[in-house]
Amino acid sequence: MRYIVSFILLISSIRSSNLQLLINVRNQGGDVLQENITANVSEDTVTLDFLRLDGTYVSQLVDFTNEVEAMKVIIPAEEELGQSGYQTLCFLTHAAQADFIAPDAMAKLRQKNAGTVRVAEEDKGWRQTTATAWASRVTRLLSPAAARHCASAKDHVYLRAADLTRWAPRPGMEHSSYASEVSPFPEHALASDTSDGSPFVPACVAETDSAHECICHFEVCVNWYPCGLKYCKGKPQGGLSYRCGIKTCHRCYRYHFYVRHRDTCLTYM
């Protein structure tokens, strides 16, 4: 049995009080979930959050100014497996801004037919990320908004070191400052055994000893989000295009990251 009561109380304390949109969404399994979408024009951020049917809380923040996407998940423990409490993880990636509507445009959207159950128009497929470093210290340099968003994850903030070169340094900083603030995974963690191509460190799902290191994975799908603006052509005499709606998308994410002990990977099942 999951720790549902205490977990729901935790979630209710996290959610913002200035939500812009509350959307009923049908996932690919046919279940209906409720998503909260907030646009913060002054910070140039958009946040989308929802509670999955398995009790996992998901909160995705996109910082447009700093081109940072922060996916935070709070995973409740499985009592049947001897776990307790919950675990917070946060994954930082370079934001592909073309995949999202900017906050100023998002803030102009208006809720219509609030009870309607919505389905995304386009499936963006899977985006896979293999983290190579712990990144809790660098978050404050990359994005103050993401730093606040990921604060509860503490030392469970992850990123790909390769992404550091894609972020422009903030005024007065150099790229090397970013690199000095991350803690790389052990060299052997993502290396392969060249004899047969298998990894030195196994996936947690294949590791039987709870004290051994392994590569954990987590999957999450955002079933509905505004991913672009639609434009319609004006009357023949005018010929100008005008904004006439939004395009909506569905995307799934698969994150891989190193853990020193399998029992710290709550999703190895």
C-alpha atoms as a PDB file:
ATOM      1  CA  MET A   1       0.000   0.000   0.000  1.00  0.00           C
ATOM      2  CA  ARG A   2       1.364   3.414  -0.930  1.00  0.00           C
ATOM      3  CA  TYR A   3       1.676   6.282   1.489  1.00  0.00           C
ATOM      4  CA  ILE A   4      -1.155   8.065  -0.298  1.00  0.00           C
ATOM      5  CA  VAL A   5      -2.539  10.284   2.481  1.00  0.00           C
ATOM      6  CA  SER A   6       0.736  11.920   3.486  1.00  0.00           C
ATOM      7  CA  PHE A   7       1.809  12.148  -0.129  1.00  0.00           C
ATOM      8  CA  ILE A   8      -1.329  13.988  -1.233  1.00  0.00           C
ATOM      9  CA  LEU A   9      -0.831  16.445   1.617  1.00  0.00           C
ATOM     10  CA  LEU A  10       2.730  17.023   0.373  1.00  0.00           C
ATOM     11  CA  ILE A  11       1.534  17.695  -3.172  1.00  0.00           C
ATOM     12  CA  SER A  12      -1.164  20.114  -2.065  1.00  0.00           C
ATOM     13  CA  SER A  13       1.490  22.165  -0.266  1.00  0.00           C
ATOM     14  CA  ILE A  14       3.705  22.322  -3.354  1.00  0.00           C
ATOM     15  CA  ARG A  15       1.207  23.478  -5.955  1.00  0.00           C
ATOM     16  CA  SER A  16       1.125  27.130  -6.847  1.00  0.00           C
ATOM     17  CA  SER A  17      -1.947  29.219  -6.076  1.00  0.00           C
ATOM     18  CA  ASN A  18      -1.818  31.250  -9.318  1.00  0.00           C
ATOM     19  CA  LEU A  19      -2.625  28.495 -11.814  1.00  0.00           C
ATOM     20  CA  GLN A  20      -3.648  29.697 -15.269  1.00  0.00           C
ATOM     21  CA  LEU A  21      -5.125  26.554 -16.804  1.00  0.00           C
ATOM     22  CA  LEU A  22      -6.637  23.377 -15.376  1.00  0.00           C
ATOM     23  CA  ILE A  23      -6.943  20.760 -18.127  1.00  0.00           C
ATOM     24  CA  ASN A  24      -8.596  17.326 -18.158  1.00  0.00           C
ATOM     25  CA  VAL A  25      -6.443  15.050 -20.323  1.00  0.00           C
ATOM     26  CA  ARG A  26      -6.957  11.512 -21.589  1.00  0.00           C
ATOM     27  CA  ASN A  27      -3.746   9.450 -21.613  1.00  0.00           C
ATOM     28  CA  GLN A  28      -2.905   6.708 -24.087  1.00  0.00           C
ATOM     29  CA  GLY A  29      -4.395   4.100 -21.768  1.00  0.00           C
ATOM     30  CA  GLY A  30      -7.755   5.875 -21.764  1.00  0.00           C
ATOM     31  CA  ASP A  31      -7.510   7.223 -18.217  1.00  0.00           C
ATOM     32  CA  VAL A  32      -8.299  10.877 -17.471  1.00  0.00           C
ATOM     33  CA  LEU A  33      -5.748  12.991 -15.596  1.00  0.00           C
ATOM     34  CA  GLN A  34      -5.803  16.635 -14.583  1.00  0.00           C
ATOM     35  CA  GLU A  35      -2.924  18.923 -15.570  1.00  0.00           C
ATOM     36  CA  ASN A  36      -2.121  22.343 -14.126  1.00  0.00           C
ATOM     37  CA  ILE A  37      -0.327  24.799 -16.420  1.00  0.00           C
ATOM     38  CA  THR A  38       1.130  28.079 -15.149  1.00  0.00           C
ATOM     39  CA  ALA A  39       2.754  30.797 -17.243  1.00  0.00           C
ATOM     40  CA  ASN A  40       4.975  33.269 -15.387  1.00  0.00           C
ATOM     41  CA  VAL A  41       5.652  36.129 -17.798  1.00  0.00           C
ATOM     42  CA  SER A  42       7.956  38.058 -15.439  1.00  0.00           C
ATOM     43  CA  GLU A  43      10.226  35.027 -14.975  1.00  0.00           C
ATOM     44  CA  ASP A  44       9.738  33.818 -18.570  1.00  0.00           C
ATOM     45  CA  THR A  45       8.789  30.325 -17.390  1.00  0.00           C
ATOM     46  CA  VAL A  46       6.026  27.795 -17.950  1.00  0.00           C
ATOM     47  CA  THR A  47       5.267  25.039 -15.439  1.00  0.00           C
ATOM     48  CA  LEU A  48       3.099  21.966 -16.052  1.00  0.00           C
ATOM     49  CA  ASP A  49       2.281  19.549 -13.243  1.00  0.00           C
ATOM     50  CA  PHE A  50       0.061  16.537 -12.646  1.00  0.00           C
ATOM     51  CA  LEU A  51      -0.364  13.510 -10.405  1.00  0.00           C
ATOM     52  CA  ARG A  52      -0.068  10.133 -12.116  1.00  0.00           C
ATOM     53  CA  LEU A  53      -2.385   7.271 -11.304  1.00  0.00           C
ATOM     54  CA  ASP A  54       0.478   5.440  -9.548  1.00  0.00           C
ATOM     55  CA  GLY A  55       0.852   8.363  -7.117  1.00  0.00           C
ATOM     56  CA  THR A  56       3.932   9.908  -8.760  1.00  0.00           C
ATOM     57  CA  TYR A  57       3.877  13.710  -8.883  1.00  0.00           C
ATOM     58  CA  VAL A  58       5.371  15.247 -12.043  1.00  0.00           C
ATOM     59  CA  SER A  59       6.289  18.911 -12.467  1.00  0.00           C
ATOM     60  CA  GLN A  60       7.943  20.168 -15.652  1.00  0.00           C
ATOM     61  CA  LEU A  61       9.410  23.686 -15.734  1.00  0.00           C
ATOM     62  CA  VAL A  62      10.731  25.411 -18.864  1.00  0.00           C
ATOM     63  CA  ASP A  63      12.890  28.517 -18.372  1.00  0.00           C
ATOM     64  CA  PHE A  64      12.868  30.249 -21.760  1.00  0.00           C
ATOM     65  CA  THR A  65      15.436  32.941 -20.931  1.00  0.00           C
ATOM     66  CA  ASN A  66      18.085  30.444 -19.849  1.00  0.00           C
ATOM     67  CA  GLU A  67      16.956  27.584 -22.142  1.00  0.00           C
ATOM     68  CA  VAL A  68      16.641  25.139 -19.253  1.00  0.00           C
ATOM     69  CA  GLU A  69      14.041  22.391 -18.888  1.00  0.00           C
ATOM     70  CA  ALA A  70      13.699  20.880 -15.403  1.00  0.00           C
ATOM     71  CA  MET A  71      11.629  17.722 -14.968  1.00  0.00           C
ATOM     72  CA  LYS A  72      10.901  17.069 -11.280  1.00  0.00           C
ATOM     73  CA  VAL A  73       9.286  13.848 -10.094  1.00  0.00           C
ATOM     74  CA  ILE A  74       8.289  12.812  -6.591  1.00  0.00           C
ATOM     75  CA  ILE A  75       7.977   9.039  -6.332  1.00  0.00           C
ATOM     76  CA  PRO A  76       6.055   7.506  -3.415  1.00  0.00           C
ATOM     77  CA  ALA A  77       7.525   4.378  -1.857  1.00  0.00           C
ATOM     78  CA  GLU A  78       6.160   0.876  -2.279  1.00  0.00           C
ATOM     79  CA  GLU A  79       5.396  -0.514   1.179  1.00  0.00           C
ATOM     80  CA  GLU A  80       5.209  -4.073  -0.216  1.00  0.00           C
ATOM     81  CA  LEU A  81       8.867  -3.786  -1.242  1.00  0.00           C
ATOM     82  CA  GLY A  82      10.004  -2.553   2.156  1.00  0.00           C
ATOM     83  CA  GLN A  83      10.395   1.039   0.988  1.00  0.00           C
ATOM     84  CA  SER A  84       9.325   4.058   2.989  1.00  0.00           C
ATOM     85  CA  GLY A  85       8.694   7.750   2.411  1.00  0.00           C
ATOM     86  CA  TYR A  86       9.181   9.184  -1.051  1.00  0.00           C
ATOM     87  CA  GLN A  87      12.030  10.202  -3.377  1.00  0.00           C
ATOM     88  CA  THR A  88      12.427  13.448  -5.311  1.00  0.00           C
ATOM     89  CA  LEU A  89      14.420  13.515  -8.555  1.00  0.00           C
ATOM     90  CA  CYS A  90      15.086  16.383 -10.948  1.00  0.00           C
ATOM     91  CA  PHE A  91      16.485  16.134 -14.489  1.00  0.00           C
ATOM     92  CA  LEU A  92      17.950  19.167 -16.267  1.00  0.00           C
ATOM     93  CA  THR A  93      18.156  19.312 -20.049  1.00  0.00           C
ATOM     94  CA  HIS A  94      18.683  21.990 -22.672  1.00  0.00           C
ATOM     95  CA  ALA A  95      15.239  23.285 -23.611  1.00  0.00           C
ATOM     96  CA  ALA A  96      14.189  22.974 -27.249  1.00  0.00           C
ATOM     97  CA  GLN A  97      12.117  26.150 -27.305  1.00  0.00           C
ATOM     98  CA  ALA A  98      10.426  25.211 -30.563  1.00  0.00           C
ATOM     99  CA  ASP A  99       8.618  22.478 -28.594  1.00  0.00           C
ATOM    100  CA  PHE A 100       6.852  24.902 -26.256  1.00  0.00           C
ATOM    101  CA  ILE A 101       4.698  28.010 -26.377  1.00  0.00           C
ATOM    102  CA  ALA A 102       6.407  31.036 -24.808  1.00  0.00           C
ATOM    103  CA  PRO A 103       4.990  32.335 -21.495  1.00  0.00           C
ATOM    104  CA  ASP A 104       3.672  35.611 -22.949  1.00  0.00           C
ATOM    105  CA  ALA A 105       1.632  33.686 -25.537  1.00  0.00           C
ATOM    106  CA  MET A 106       0.615  31.049 -22.990  1.00  0.00           C
ATOM    107  CA  ALA A 107      -0.650  33.724 -20.594  1.00  0.00           C
ATOM    108  CA  LYS A 108      -3.102  34.915 -23.259  1.00  0.00           C
ATOM    109  CA  LEU A 109      -4.808  31.530 -23.545  1.00  0.00           C
ATOM    110  CA  ARG A 110      -8.297  31.371 -22.083  1.00  0.00           C
ATOM    111  CA  GLN A 111     -10.050  28.414 -20.521  1.00  0.00           C
ATOM    112  CA  LYS A 112     -13.017  27.220 -22.592  1.00  0.00           C
ATOM    113  CA  ASN A 113     -15.275  24.304 -21.753  1.00  0.00           C
ATOM    114  CA  ALA A 114     -13.367  23.485 -18.563  1.00  0.00           C
ATOM    115  CA  GLY A 115     -14.950  20.056 -18.267  1.00  0.00           C
ATOM    116  CA  THR A 116     -13.840  18.899 -21.728  1.00  0.00           C
ATOM    117  CA  VAL A 117     -11.487  15.899 -21.795  1.00  0.00           C
ATOM    118  CA  ARG A 118      -8.668  16.716 -24.221  1.00  0.00           C
ATOM    119  CA  VAL A 119      -6.408  14.559 -26.365  1.00  0.00           C
ATOM    120  CA  ALA A 120      -3.143  15.826 -27.907  1.00  0.00           C
ATOM    121  CA  GLU A 121      -3.110  16.366 -31.682  1.00  0.00           C
ATOM    122  CA  GLU A 122       0.467  15.234 -32.276  1.00  0.00           C
ATOM    123  CA  ASP A 123       2.630  12.498 -30.738  1.00  0.00           C
ATOM    124  CA  LYS A 124       6.239  13.670 -30.397  1.00  0.00           C
ATOM    125  CA  GLY A 125       7.431  10.181 -29.456  1.00  0.00           C
ATOM    126  CA  TRP A 126      10.187   9.437 -26.940  1.00  0.00           C
ATOM    127  CA  ARG A 127      13.082  11.619 -25.815  1.00  0.00           C
ATOM    128  CA  GLN A 128      15.840   9.630 -24.118  1.00  0.00           C
ATOM    129  CA  THR A 129      18.428  11.201 -21.839  1.00  0.00           C
ATOM    130  CA  THR A 130      21.395   9.493 -20.194  1.00  0.00           C
ATOM    131  CA  ALA A 131      22.673  11.654 -17.352  1.00  0.00           C
ATOM    132  CA  THR A 132      26.398  11.741 -16.681  1.00  0.00           C
ATOM    133  CA  ALA A 133      26.679  13.979 -13.612  1.00  0.00           C
ATOM    134  CA  TRP A 134      25.064  15.170 -10.412  1.00  0.00           C
ATOM    135  CA  ALA A 135      24.096  18.793 -10.887  1.00  0.00           C
ATOM    136  CA  SER A 136      22.595  20.228  -7.708  1.00  0.00           C
ATOM    137  CA  ARG A 137      25.301  22.920  -7.394  1.00  0.00           C
ATOM    138  CA  VAL A 138      25.185  24.130 -10.987  1.00  0.00           C
ATOM    139  CA  THR A 139      21.403  24.620 -11.087  1.00  0.00           C
ATOM    140  CA  ARG A 140      21.571  28.019  -9.384  1.00  0.00           C
ATOM    141  CA  LEU A 141      23.999  29.208 -12.067  1.00  0.00           C
ATOM    142  CA  LEU A 142      21.992  27.882 -15.001  1.00  0.00           C
ATOM    143  CA  SER A 143      18.565  29.074 -13.905  1.00  0.00           C
ATOM    144  CA  PRO A 144      17.354  30.587 -10.615  1.00  0.00           C
ATOM    145  CA  ALA A 145      13.841  29.363 -11.439  1.00  0.00           C
ATOM    146  CA  ALA A 146      15.064  25.798 -12.013  1.00  0.00           C
ATOM    147  CA  ALA A 147      17.116  25.994  -8.808  1.00  0.00           C
ATOM    148  CA  ARG A 148      13.964  26.711  -6.814  1.00  0.00           C
ATOM    149  CA  HIS A 149      12.034  24.099  -8.767  1.00  0.00           C
ATOM    150  CA  CYS A 150      14.613  21.373  -8.038  1.00  0.00           C
ATOM    151  CA  ALA A 151      15.513  22.447  -4.487  1.00  0.00           C
ATOM    152  CA  SER A 152      13.616  19.583  -2.842  1.00  0.00           C
ATOM    153  CA  ALA A 153      15.576  17.025  -4.916  1.00  0.00           C
ATOM    154  CA  LYS A 154      18.766  18.076  -3.096  1.00  0.00           C
ATOM    155  CA  ASP A 155      21.584  15.811  -4.351  1.00  0.00           C
ATOM    156  CA  HIS A 156      19.292  13.940  -6.770  1.00  0.00           C
ATOM    157  CA  VAL A 157      19.585  16.494  -9.594  1.00  0.00           C
ATOM    158  CA  TYR A 158      21.005  15.088 -12.828  1.00  0.00           C
ATOM    159  CA  LEU A 159      22.157  16.293 -16.241  1.00  0.00           C
ATOM    160  CA  ARG A 160      24.263  15.346 -19.245  1.00  0.00           C
ATOM    161  CA  ALA A 161      27.654  17.040 -19.004  1.00  0.00           C
ATOM    162  CA  ALA A 162      27.500  17.545 -22.789  1.00  0.00           C
ATOM    163  CA  ASP A 163      24.546  19.879 -22.323  1.00  0.00           C
ATOM    164  CA  LEU A 164      26.703  22.342 -20.388  1.00  0.00           C
ATOM    165  CA  THR A 165      28.283  23.539 -23.646  1.00  0.00           C
ATOM    166  CA  ARG A 166      24.841  24.346 -25.061  1.00  0.00           C
ATOM    167  CA  TRP A 167      23.980  26.891 -22.377  1.00  0.00           C
ATOM    168  CA  ALA A 168      25.298  30.393 -22.868  1.00  0.00           C
ATOM    169  CA  PRO A 169      27.268  31.582 -19.822  1.00  0.00           C
ATOM    170  CA  ARG A 170      25.590  34.232 -17.717  1.00  0.00           C
ATOM    171  CA  PRO A 171      27.200  37.719 -17.656  1.00  0.00           C
ATOM    172  CA  GLY A 172      30.629  37.624 -16.033  1.00  0.00           C
ATOM    173  CA  MET A 173      30.894  33.835 -16.215  1.00  0.00           C
ATOM    174  CA  GLU A 174      32.705  31.307 -18.360  1.00  0.00           C
ATOM    175  CA  HIS A 175      31.608  27.835 -19.441  1.00  0.00           C
ATOM    176  CA  SER A 176      34.280  26.376 -17.183  1.00  0.00           C
ATOM    177  CA  SER A 177      32.354  27.738 -14.211  1.00  0.00           C
ATOM    178  CA  TYR A 178      29.487  25.415 -15.084  1.00  0.00           C
ATOM    179  CA  ALA A 179      31.733  22.398 -15.384  1.00  0.00           C
ATOM    180  CA  SER A 180      33.373  23.065 -12.020  1.00  0.00           C
ATOM    181  CA  GLU A 181      29.979  22.933 -10.293  1.00  0.00           C
ATOM    182  CA  VAL A 182      28.928  19.442 -11.431  1.00  0.00           C
ATOM    183  CA  SER A 183      30.027  16.113  -9.975  1.00  0.00           C
ATOM    184  CA  PRO A 184      30.639  13.560 -12.756  1.00  0.00           C
ATOM    185  CA  PHE A 185      29.531   9.977 -12.293  1.00  0.00           C
ATOM    186  CA  PRO A 186      32.379   7.447 -11.796  1.00  0.00           C
ATOM    187  CA  GLU A 187      34.210   6.846 -15.081  1.00  0.00           C
ATOM    188  CA  HIS A 188      33.172   3.205 -15.187  1.00  0.00           C
ATOM    189  CA  ALA A 189      29.490   4.001 -14.645  1.00  0.00           C
ATOM    190  CA  LEU A 190      28.667   4.639 -18.306  1.00  0.00           C
ATOM    191  CA  ALA A 191      31.540   2.773 -19.926  1.00  0.00           C
ATOM    192  CA  SER A 192      31.052  -0.465 -21.860  1.00  0.00           C
ATOM    193  CA  ASP A 193      32.909  -3.736 -21.638  1.00  0.00           C
ATOM    194  CA  THR A 194      34.496  -3.767 -25.092  1.00  0.00           C
ATOM    195  CA  SER A 195      34.648  -7.556 -25.159  1.00  0.00           C
ATOM    196  CA  ASP A 196      30.907  -7.963 -25.645  1.00  0.00           C
ATOM    197  CA  GLY A 197      29.552  -4.411 -25.606  1.00  0.00           C
ATOM    198  CA  SER A 198      27.744  -4.844 -22.305  1.00  0.00           C
ATOM    199  CA  PRO A 199      27.961  -2.048 -19.708  1.00  0.00           C
ATOM    200  CA  PHE A 200      30.304  -2.310 -16.723  1.00  0.00           C
ATOM    201  CA  VAL A 201      27.459  -1.200 -14.481  1.00  0.00           C
ATOM    202  CA  PRO A 202      24.213  -3.164 -15.010  1.00  0.00           C
ATOM    203  CA  ALA A 203      20.720  -1.757 -15.169  1.00  0.00           C
ATOM    204  CA  CYS A 204      19.026  -1.744 -11.763  1.00  0.00           C
ATOM    205  CA  VAL A 205      16.283  -3.970 -13.127  1.00  0.00           C
ATOM    206  CA  ALA A 206      18.915  -6.685 -13.680  1.00  0.00           C
ATOM    207  CA  GLU A 207      20.781  -6.177 -10.375  1.00  0.00           C
ATOM    208  CA  THR A 208      19.753  -8.571  -7.597  1.00  0.00           C
ATOM    209  CA  ASP A 209      21.857  -7.131  -4.760  1.00  0.00           C
ATOM    210  CA  SER A 210      20.286  -4.022  -3.242  1.00  0.00           C
ATOM    211  CA  ALA A 211      23.697  -2.757  -2.096  1.00  0.00           C
ATOM    212  CA  HIS A 212      25.296  -2.822  -5.576  1.00  0.00           C
ATOM    213  CA  GLU A 213      25.612   0.116  -7.951  1.00  0.00           C
ATOM    214  CA  CYS A 214      23.491   0.184 -11.102  1.00  0.00           C
ATOM    215  CA  ILE A 215      21.915   2.367 -13.773  1.00  0.00           C
ATOM    216  CA  CYS A 216      18.417   3.434 -12.783  1.00  0.00           C
ATOM    217  CA  HIS A 217      15.785   4.557 -15.255  1.00  0.00           C
ATOM    218  CA  PHE A 218      12.603   6.558 -15.018  1.00  0.00           C
ATOM    219  CA  GLU A 219       9.898   7.074 -17.640  1.00  0.00           C
ATOM    220  CA  VAL A 220       7.251   9.780 -17.744  1.00  0.00           C
ATOM    221  CA  CYS A 221       4.763  10.925 -20.371  1.00  0.00           C
ATOM    222  CA  VAL A 222       3.332  14.436 -20.650  1.00  0.00           C
ATOM    223  CA  ASN A 223       0.034  13.626 -22.306  1.00  0.00           C
ATOM    224  CA  TRP A 224      -1.035  17.117 -23.374  1.00  0.00           C
ATOM    225  CA  TYR A 225       0.775  20.429 -23.648  1.00  0.00           C
ATOM    226  CA  PRO A 226       0.600  23.459 -25.954  1.00  0.00           C
ATOM    227  CA  CYS A 227       3.552  22.962 -28.305  1.00  0.00           C
ATOM    228  CA  GLY A 228       3.002  25.594 -30.965  1.00  0.00           C
ATOM    229  CA  LEU A 229       0.782  28.346 -32.337  1.00  0.00           C
ATOM    230  CA  LYS A 230      -1.557  27.943 -35.275  1.00  0.00           C
ATOM    231  CA  TYR A 231      -1.817  30.646 -37.914  1.00  0.00           C
ATOM    232  CA  CYS A 232      -4.629  31.171 -40.398  1.00  0.00           C
ATOM    233  CA  LYS A 233      -4.549  33.190 -43.583  1.00  0.00           C
ATOM    234  CA  GLY A 234      -6.524  36.392 -43.744  1.00  0.00           C
ATOM    235  CA  LYS A 235      -9.059  37.359 -46.365  1.00  0.00           C
ATOM    236  CA  PRO A 236      -7.719  37.451 -49.920  1.00  0.00           C
ATOM    237  CA  GLN A 237      -7.644  41.214 -49.973  1.00  0.00           C
ATOM    238  CA  GLY A 238      -5.561  41.352 -46.848  1.00  0.00           C
ATOM    239  CA  GLY A 239      -3.408  38.250 -47.283  1.00  0.00           C
ATOM    240  CA  LEU A 240      -1.927  38.483 -43.785  1.00  0.00           C
ATOM    241  CA  SER A 241      -1.669  35.528 -41.418  1.00  0.00           C
ATOM    242  CA  TYR A 242      -3.067  35.798 -37.932  1.00  0.00           C
ATOM    243  CA  ARG A 243      -2.871  33.690 -34.788  1.00  0.00           C
ATOM    244  CA  CYS A 244      -5.928  31.469 -34.622  1.00  0.00           C
ATOM    245  CA  GLY A 245      -5.243  28.757 -32.047  1.00  0.00           C
ATOM    246  CA  ILE A 246      -2.690  26.387 -30.558  1.00  0.00           C
ATOM    247  CA  LYS A 247      -1.230  23.030 -31.501  1.00  0.00           C
ATOM    248  CA  THR A 248      -1.088  20.421 -28.746  1.00  0.00           C
ATOM    249  CA  CYS A 249       1.404  17.581 -28.355  1.00  0.00           C
ATOM    250  CA  HIS A 250       2.158  14.423 -26.399  1.00  0.00           C
ATOM    251  CA  ARG A 251       5.741  13.464 -25.468  1.00  0.00           C
ATOM    252  CA  CYS A 252       7.353  10.752 -23.363  1.00  0.00           C
ATOM    253  CA  TYR A 253      10.722  10.958 -21.604  1.00  0.00           C
ATOM    254  CA  ARG A 254      13.083   8.184 -20.559  1.00  0.00           C
ATOM    255  CA  TYR A 255      15.868   9.141 -18.135  1.00  0.00           C
ATOM    256  CA  HIS A 256      18.857   6.935 -17.234  1.00  0.00           C
ATOM    257  CA  PHE A 257      21.132   7.784 -14.289  1.00  0.00           C
ATOM    258  CA  TYR A 258      23.721   6.149 -12.041  1.00  0.00           C
ATOM    259  CA  VAL A 259      23.016   5.186  -8.412  1.00  0.00           C
ATOM    260  CA  ARG A 260      25.548   3.837  -5.925  1.00  0.00           C
ATOM    261  CA  HIS A 261      23.055   1.364  -4.437  1.00  0.00           C
ATOM    262  CA  ARG A 262      20.120  -0.318  -6.127  1.00  0.00           C
ATOM    263  CA  ASP A 263      17.866   0.327  -3.149  1.00  0.00           C
ATOM    264  CA  THR A 264      18.054   4.068  -3.935  1.00  0.00           C
ATOM    265  CA  CYS A 265      16.394   3.397  -7.298  1.00  0.00           C
ATOM    266  CA  LEU A 266      12.686   3.255  -6.512  1.00  0.00           C
ATOM    267  CA  THR A 267      11.852   2.503 -10.152  1.00  0.00           C
ATOM    268  CA  TYR A 268      14.002  -0.576 -10.780  1.00  0.00           C
ATOM    269  CA  MET A 269      10.999  -2.923 -10.791  1.00  0.00           C
END
